[in-house]
PDB file of all heavy atoms in Angstrom:
ATOM      1  N   ASP A   1      38.340 -29.740 -58.825  1.00  0.00           N
ATOM      2  CA  ASP A   1      37.531 -28.566 -59.189  1.00  0.00           C
ATOM      3  C   ASP A   1      37.345 -27.680 -57.966  1.00  0.00           C
ATOM      4  O   ASP A   1      37.533 -26.451 -58.033  1.00  0.00           O
ATOM      5  CB  ASP A   1      36.219 -28.971 -59.773  1.00  0.00           C
ATOM      6  CG  ASP A   1      35.324 -27.782 -60.176  1.00  0.00           C
ATOM      7  OD1 ASP A   1      34.576 -27.328 -59.304  1.00  0.00           O
ATOM      8  OD2 ASP A   1      35.429 -27.375 -61.320  1.00  0.00           O
ATOM      9  N   SER A   2      36.962 -28.273 -56.855  1.00  0.00           N
ATOM     10  CA  SER A   2      36.734 -27.473 -55.628  1.00  0.00           C
ATOM     11  C   SER A   2      38.001 -26.829 -55.096  1.00  0.00           C
ATOM     12  O   SER A   2      37.992 -25.757 -54.550  1.00  0.00           O
ATOM     13  CB  SER A   2      36.071 -28.347 -54.553  1.00  0.00           C
ATOM     14  OG  SER A   2      36.946 -29.323 -54.042  1.00  0.00           O
ATOM     15  N   LEU A   3      39.142 -27.547 -55.191  1.00  0.00           N
ATOM     16  CA  LEU A   3      40.405 -26.989 -54.747  1.00  0.00           C
ATOM     17  C   LEU A   3      40.800 -25.762 -55.559  1.00  0.00           C
ATOM     18  O   LEU A   3      41.219 -24.771 -55.004  1.00  0.00           O
ATOM     19  CB  LEU A   3      41.539 -28.038 -54.829  1.00  0.00           C
ATOM     20  CG  LEU A   3      41.436 -29.222 -53.859  1.00  0.00           C
ATOM     21  CD1 LEU A   3      42.544 -30.218 -54.180  1.00  0.00           C
ATOM     22  CD2 LEU A   3      41.503 -28.747 -52.425  1.00  0.00           C
ATOM     23  N   ILE A   4      40.631 -25.833 -56.838  1.00  0.00           N
ATOM     24  CA  ILE A   4      40.943 -24.677 -57.676  1.00  0.00           C
ATOM     25  C   ILE A   4      40.022 -23.494 -57.365  1.00  0.00           C
ATOM     26  O   ILE A   4      40.434 -22.349 -57.202  1.00  0.00           O
ATOM     27  CB  ILE A   4      40.810 -25.049 -59.175  1.00  0.00           C
ATOM     28  CG1 ILE A   4      41.901 -26.089 -59.525  1.00  0.00           C
ATOM     29  CG2 ILE A   4      40.960 -23.786 -60.064  1.00  0.00           C
ATOM     30  CD1 ILE A   4      41.722 -26.742 -60.886  1.00  0.00           C
ATOM     31  N   MET A   5      38.722 -23.796 -57.192  1.00  0.00           N
ATOM     32  CA  MET A   5      37.738 -22.738 -56.878  1.00  0.00           C
ATOM     33  C   MET A   5      38.012 -22.139 -55.528  1.00  0.00           C
ATOM     34  O   MET A   5      37.643 -20.974 -55.256  1.00  0.00           O
ATOM     35  CB  MET A   5      36.339 -23.252 -56.998  1.00  0.00           C
ATOM     36  CG  MET A   5      35.917 -23.614 -58.422  1.00  0.00           C
ATOM     37  SD  MET A   5      36.151 -22.228 -59.603  1.00  0.00           S
ATOM     38  CE  MET A   5      34.988 -20.998 -58.902  1.00  0.00           C
ATOM     39  N   ALA A   6      38.634 -22.857 -54.599  1.00  0.00           N
ATOM     40  CA  ALA A   6      38.939 -22.348 -53.306  1.00  0.00           C
ATOM     41  C   ALA A   6      39.890 -21.182 -53.387  1.00  0.00           C
ATOM     42  O   ALA A   6      39.899 -20.288 -52.505  1.00  0.00           O
ATOM     43  CB  ALA A   6      39.544 -23.438 -52.408  1.00  0.00           C
ATOM     44  N   THR A   7      40.696 -21.082 -54.441  1.00  0.00           N
ATOM     45  CA  THR A   7      41.625 -19.986 -54.566  1.00  0.00           C
ATOM     46  C   THR A   7      40.955 -18.676 -55.009  1.00  0.00           C
ATOM     47  O   THR A   7      41.687 -17.711 -55.195  1.00  0.00           O
ATOM     48  CB  THR A   7      42.787 -20.347 -55.523  1.00  0.00           C
ATOM     49  OG1 THR A   7      42.300 -20.586 -56.834  1.00  0.00           O
ATOM     50  CG2 THR A   7      43.520 -21.598 -55.030  1.00  0.00           C
ATOM     51  N   CYS A   8      39.623 -18.658 -55.093  1.00  0.00           N
ATOM     52  CA  CYS A   8      38.941 -17.412 -55.299  1.00  0.00           C
ATOM     53  C   CYS A   8      39.125 -16.532 -54.046  1.00  0.00           C
ATOM     54  O   CYS A   8      38.982 -15.337 -54.107  1.00  0.00           O
ATOM     55  CB  CYS A   8      37.457 -17.636 -55.538  1.00  0.00           C
ATOM     56  SG  CYS A   8      37.040 -18.374 -57.100  1.00  0.00           S
ATOM     57  N   HIS A   9      39.364 -17.167 -52.910  1.00  0.00           N
ATOM     58  CA  HIS A   9      39.543 -16.499 -51.641  1.00  0.00           C
ATOM     59  C   HIS A   9      38.287 -15.663 -51.279  1.00  0.00           C
ATOM     60  O   HIS A   9      38.371 -14.577 -50.659  1.00  0.00           O
ATOM     61  CB  HIS A   9      40.792 -15.608 -51.663  1.00  0.00           C
ATOM     62  CG  HIS A   9      42.052 -16.372 -51.969  1.00  0.00           C
ATOM     63  ND1 HIS A   9      42.470 -17.404 -51.226  1.00  0.00           N
ATOM     64  CD2 HIS A   9      42.877 -16.288 -53.033  1.00  0.00           C
ATOM     65  CE1 HIS A   9      43.560 -17.919 -51.769  1.00  0.00           C
ATOM     66  NE2 HIS A   9      43.822 -17.267 -52.864  1.00  0.00           N
ATOM     67  N   LEU A  10      37.144 -16.179 -51.585  1.00  0.00           N
ATOM     68  CA  LEU A  10      35.858 -15.562 -51.206  1.00  0.00           C
ATOM     69  C   LEU A  10      35.234 -16.409 -50.110  1.00  0.00           C
ATOM     70  O   LEU A  10      35.631 -17.533 -49.893  1.00  0.00           O
ATOM     71  CB  LEU A  10      34.919 -15.504 -52.440  1.00  0.00           C
ATOM     72  CG  LEU A  10      35.461 -14.725 -53.640  1.00  0.00           C
ATOM     73  CD1 LEU A  10      34.475 -14.840 -54.813  1.00  0.00           C
ATOM     74  CD2 LEU A  10      35.681 -13.279 -53.292  1.00  0.00           C
ATOM     75  N   GLU A  11      34.229 -15.845 -49.443  1.00  0.00           N
ATOM     76  CA  GLU A  11      33.605 -16.604 -48.370  1.00  0.00           C
ATOM     77  C   GLU A  11      32.969 -17.879 -48.837  1.00  0.00           C
ATOM     78  O   GLU A  11      32.916 -18.861 -48.118  1.00  0.00           O
ATOM     79  CB  GLU A  11      32.549 -15.726 -47.697  1.00  0.00           C
ATOM     80  CG  GLU A  11      33.136 -14.570 -46.925  1.00  0.00           C
ATOM     81  CD  GLU A  11      34.073 -15.003 -45.849  1.00  0.00           C
ATOM     82  OE1 GLU A  11      33.846 -16.015 -45.160  1.00  0.00           O
ATOM     83  OE2 GLU A  11      35.146 -14.340 -45.679  1.00  0.00           O
ATOM     84  N   ASP A  12      32.483 -17.897 -50.094  1.00  0.00           N
ATOM     85  CA  ASP A  12      31.880 -19.115 -50.614  1.00  0.00           C
ATOM     86  C   ASP A  12      32.907 -20.183 -50.973  1.00  0.00           C
ATOM     87  O   ASP A  12      32.582 -21.348 -51.162  1.00  0.00           O
ATOM     88  CB  ASP A  12      31.034 -18.827 -51.868  1.00  0.00           C
ATOM     89  CG  ASP A  12      29.757 -18.021 -51.514  1.00  0.00           C
ATOM     90  OD1 ASP A  12      29.385 -18.028 -50.332  1.00  0.00           O
ATOM     91  OD2 ASP A  12      29.178 -17.439 -52.397  1.00  0.00           O
ATOM     92  N   TYR A  13      34.159 -19.772 -51.105  1.00  0.00           N
ATOM     93  CA  TYR A  13      35.212 -20.700 -51.464  1.00  0.00           C
ATOM     94  C   TYR A  13      36.364 -20.626 -50.473  1.00  0.00           C
ATOM     95  O   TYR A  13      36.291 -21.157 -49.378  1.00  0.00           O
ATOM     96  CB  TYR A  13      35.722 -20.391 -52.897  1.00  0.00           C
ATOM     97  CG  TYR A  13      34.649 -20.537 -53.957  1.00  0.00           C
ATOM     98  CD1 TYR A  13      34.082 -19.433 -54.559  1.00  0.00           C
ATOM     99  CD2 TYR A  13      34.152 -21.784 -54.305  1.00  0.00           C
ATOM    100  CE1 TYR A  13      33.050 -19.599 -55.526  1.00  0.00           C
ATOM    101  CE2 TYR A  13      33.220 -21.941 -55.292  1.00  0.00           C
ATOM    102  CZ  TYR A  13      32.648 -20.845 -55.839  1.00  0.00           C
ATOM    103  OH  TYR A  13      31.685 -20.996 -56.798  1.00  0.00           O
ATOM    104  N   GLY A  14      37.422 -19.880 -50.803  1.00  0.00           N
ATOM    105  CA  GLY A  14      38.589 -19.830 -49.952  1.00  0.00           C
ATOM    106  C   GLY A  14      38.403 -19.150 -48.631  1.00  0.00           C
ATOM    107  O   GLY A  14      39.201 -19.304 -47.727  1.00  0.00           O
ATOM    108  N   GLY A  15      37.390 -18.309 -48.504  1.00  0.00           N
ATOM    109  CA  GLY A  15      37.218 -17.570 -47.269  1.00  0.00           C
ATOM    110  C   GLY A  15      36.995 -18.443 -46.090  1.00  0.00           C
ATOM    111  O   GLY A  15      37.460 -18.217 -44.965  1.00  0.00           O
ATOM    112  N   THR A  16      36.250 -19.548 -46.287  1.00  0.00           N
ATOM    113  CA  THR A  16      35.979 -20.518 -45.231  1.00  0.00           C
ATOM    114  C   THR A  16      36.098 -21.899 -45.842  1.00  0.00           C
ATOM    115  O   THR A  16      35.124 -22.583 -46.099  1.00  0.00           O
ATOM    116  CB  THR A  16      34.563 -20.315 -44.650  1.00  0.00           C
ATOM    117  OG1 THR A  16      33.616 -20.303 -45.756  1.00  0.00           O
ATOM    118  CG2 THR A  16      34.486 -19.040 -43.867  1.00  0.00           C
ATOM    119  N   ALA A  17      37.322 -22.300 -46.064  1.00  0.00           N
ATOM    120  CA  ALA A  17      37.586 -23.618 -46.668  1.00  0.00           C
ATOM    121  C   ALA A  17      36.970 -24.705 -45.768  1.00  0.00           C
ATOM    122  O   ALA A  17      37.164 -24.708 -44.550  1.00  0.00           O
ATOM    123  CB  ALA A  17      39.058 -23.856 -46.859  1.00  0.00           C
ATOM    124  N   LYS A  18      36.355 -25.675 -46.418  1.00  0.00           N
ATOM    125  CA  LYS A  18      35.528 -26.662 -45.635  1.00  0.00           C
ATOM    126  C   LYS A  18      36.290 -27.987 -45.386  1.00  0.00           C
ATOM    127  O   LYS A  18      35.881 -28.769 -44.585  1.00  0.00           O
ATOM    128  CB  LYS A  18      34.244 -26.930 -46.364  1.00  0.00           C
ATOM    129  CG  LYS A  18      33.313 -25.722 -46.468  1.00  0.00           C
ATOM    130  CD  LYS A  18      32.058 -25.996 -47.251  1.00  0.00           C
ATOM    131  CE  LYS A  18      31.074 -24.820 -47.236  1.00  0.00           C
ATOM    132  NZ  LYS A  18      31.706 -23.589 -47.853  1.00  0.00           N
ATOM    133  N   THR A  19      37.393 -28.225 -46.100  1.00  0.00           N
ATOM    134  CA  THR A  19      38.120 -29.469 -45.910  1.00  0.00           C
ATOM    135  C   THR A  19      39.573 -29.166 -45.649  1.00  0.00           C
ATOM    136  O   THR A  19      40.068 -28.035 -45.903  1.00  0.00           O
ATOM    137  CB  THR A  19      38.032 -30.347 -47.173  1.00  0.00           C
ATOM    138  OG1 THR A  19      38.761 -29.705 -48.273  1.00  0.00           O
ATOM    139  CG2 THR A  19      36.599 -30.570 -47.640  1.00  0.00           C
ATOM    140  N   GLN A  20      40.299 -30.146 -45.128  1.00  0.00           N
ATOM    141  CA  GLN A  20      41.727 -29.956 -44.848  1.00  0.00           C
ATOM    142  C   GLN A  20      42.477 -29.691 -46.127  1.00  0.00           C
ATOM    143  O   GLN A  20      43.343 -28.824 -46.193  1.00  0.00           O
ATOM    144  CB  GLN A  20      42.271 -31.210 -44.176  1.00  0.00           C
ATOM    145  CG  GLN A  20      43.729 -31.138 -43.849  1.00  0.00           C
ATOM    146  CD  GLN A  20      44.028 -30.134 -42.664  1.00  0.00           C
ATOM    147  OE1 GLN A  20      43.865 -30.491 -41.522  1.00  0.00           O
ATOM    148  NE2 GLN A  20      44.404 -28.924 -43.001  1.00  0.00           N
ATOM    149  N   LEU A  21      42.136 -30.411 -47.195  1.00  0.00           N
ATOM    150  CA  LEU A  21      42.818 -30.201 -48.471  1.00  0.00           C
ATOM    151  C   LEU A  21      42.603 -28.748 -48.967  1.00  0.00           C
ATOM    152  O   LEU A  21      43.530 -28.093 -49.425  1.00  0.00           O
ATOM    153  CB  LEU A  21      42.332 -31.195 -49.528  1.00  0.00           C
ATOM    154  CG  LEU A  21      42.932 -32.591 -49.486  1.00  0.00           C
ATOM    155  CD1 LEU A  21      42.333 -33.446 -50.563  1.00  0.00           C
ATOM    156  CD2 LEU A  21      44.433 -32.600 -49.582  1.00  0.00           C
ATOM    157  N   SER A  22      41.380 -28.264 -48.890  1.00  0.00           N
ATOM    158  CA  SER A  22      41.111 -26.928 -49.380  1.00  0.00           C
ATOM    159  C   SER A  22      41.770 -25.872 -48.518  1.00  0.00           C
ATOM    160  O   SER A  22      42.192 -24.840 -49.007  1.00  0.00           O
ATOM    161  CB  SER A  22      39.603 -26.669 -49.522  1.00  0.00           C
ATOM    162  OG  SER A  22      38.933 -26.811 -48.294  1.00  0.00           O
ATOM    163  N   GLN A  23      41.901 -26.123 -47.204  1.00  0.00           N
ATOM    164  CA  GLN A  23      42.604 -25.201 -46.322  1.00  0.00           C
ATOM    165  C   GLN A  23      44.054 -25.127 -46.753  1.00  0.00           C
ATOM    166  O   GLN A  23      44.626 -24.043 -46.857  1.00  0.00           O
ATOM    167  CB  GLN A  23      42.509 -25.635 -44.887  1.00  0.00           C
ATOM    168  CG  GLN A  23      41.156 -25.464 -44.232  1.00  0.00           C
ATOM    169  CD  GLN A  23      41.082 -25.877 -42.791  1.00  0.00           C
ATOM    170  OE1 GLN A  23      42.084 -26.381 -42.288  1.00  0.00           O
ATOM    171  NE2 GLN A  23      39.947 -25.726 -42.179  1.00  0.00           N
ATOM    172  N   TRP A  24      44.699 -26.242 -46.995  1.00  0.00           N
ATOM    173  CA  TRP A  24      46.059 -26.242 -47.436  1.00  0.00           C
ATOM    174  C   TRP A  24      46.203 -25.580 -48.804  1.00  0.00           C
ATOM    175  O   TRP A  24      47.167 -24.849 -49.042  1.00  0.00           O
ATOM    176  CB  TRP A  24      46.627 -27.683 -47.475  1.00  0.00           C
ATOM    177  CG  TRP A  24      46.874 -28.256 -46.138  1.00  0.00           C
ATOM    178  CD1 TRP A  24      47.213 -27.563 -45.001  1.00  0.00           C
ATOM    179  CD2 TRP A  24      46.887 -29.627 -45.762  1.00  0.00           C
ATOM    180  NE1 TRP A  24      47.410 -28.421 -43.950  1.00  0.00           N
ATOM    181  CE2 TRP A  24      47.234 -29.708 -44.389  1.00  0.00           C
ATOM    182  CE3 TRP A  24      46.613 -30.826 -46.442  1.00  0.00           C
ATOM    183  CZ2 TRP A  24      47.329 -30.933 -43.735  1.00  0.00           C
ATOM    184  CZ3 TRP A  24      46.712 -32.030 -45.780  1.00  0.00           C
ATOM    185  CH2 TRP A  24      47.044 -32.093 -44.424  1.00  0.00           C
ATOM    186  N   MET A  25      45.280 -25.838 -49.670  1.00  0.00           N
ATOM    187  CA  MET A  25      45.313 -25.193 -50.964  1.00  0.00           C
ATOM    188  C   MET A  25      45.298 -23.701 -50.877  1.00  0.00           C
ATOM    189  O   MET A  25      46.127 -22.990 -51.477  1.00  0.00           O
ATOM    190  CB  MET A  25      44.119 -25.675 -51.822  1.00  0.00           C
ATOM    191  CG  MET A  25      44.046 -25.143 -53.199  1.00  0.00           C
ATOM    192  SD  MET A  25      45.198 -26.010 -54.306  1.00  0.00           S
ATOM    193  CE  MET A  25      44.931 -25.133 -55.844  1.00  0.00           C
ATOM    194  N   VAL A  26      44.409 -23.164 -50.107  1.00  0.00           N
ATOM    195  CA  VAL A  26      44.261 -21.704 -49.913  1.00  0.00           C
ATOM    196  C   VAL A  26      45.515 -21.169 -49.223  1.00  0.00           C
ATOM    197  O   VAL A  26      46.068 -20.109 -49.641  1.00  0.00           O
ATOM    198  CB  VAL A  26      42.995 -21.410 -49.067  1.00  0.00           C
ATOM    199  CG1 VAL A  26      42.989 -19.945 -48.659  1.00  0.00           C
ATOM    200  CG2 VAL A  26      41.771 -21.713 -49.890  1.00  0.00           C
TER     201      VAL A  26
END
């Protein structure tokens, strides 16, 4: 769920990805 939401590319999500997985996702 958090990986998909990271692709919003907003500061609360993809703008500042908090994990390595979410960084790669974005």
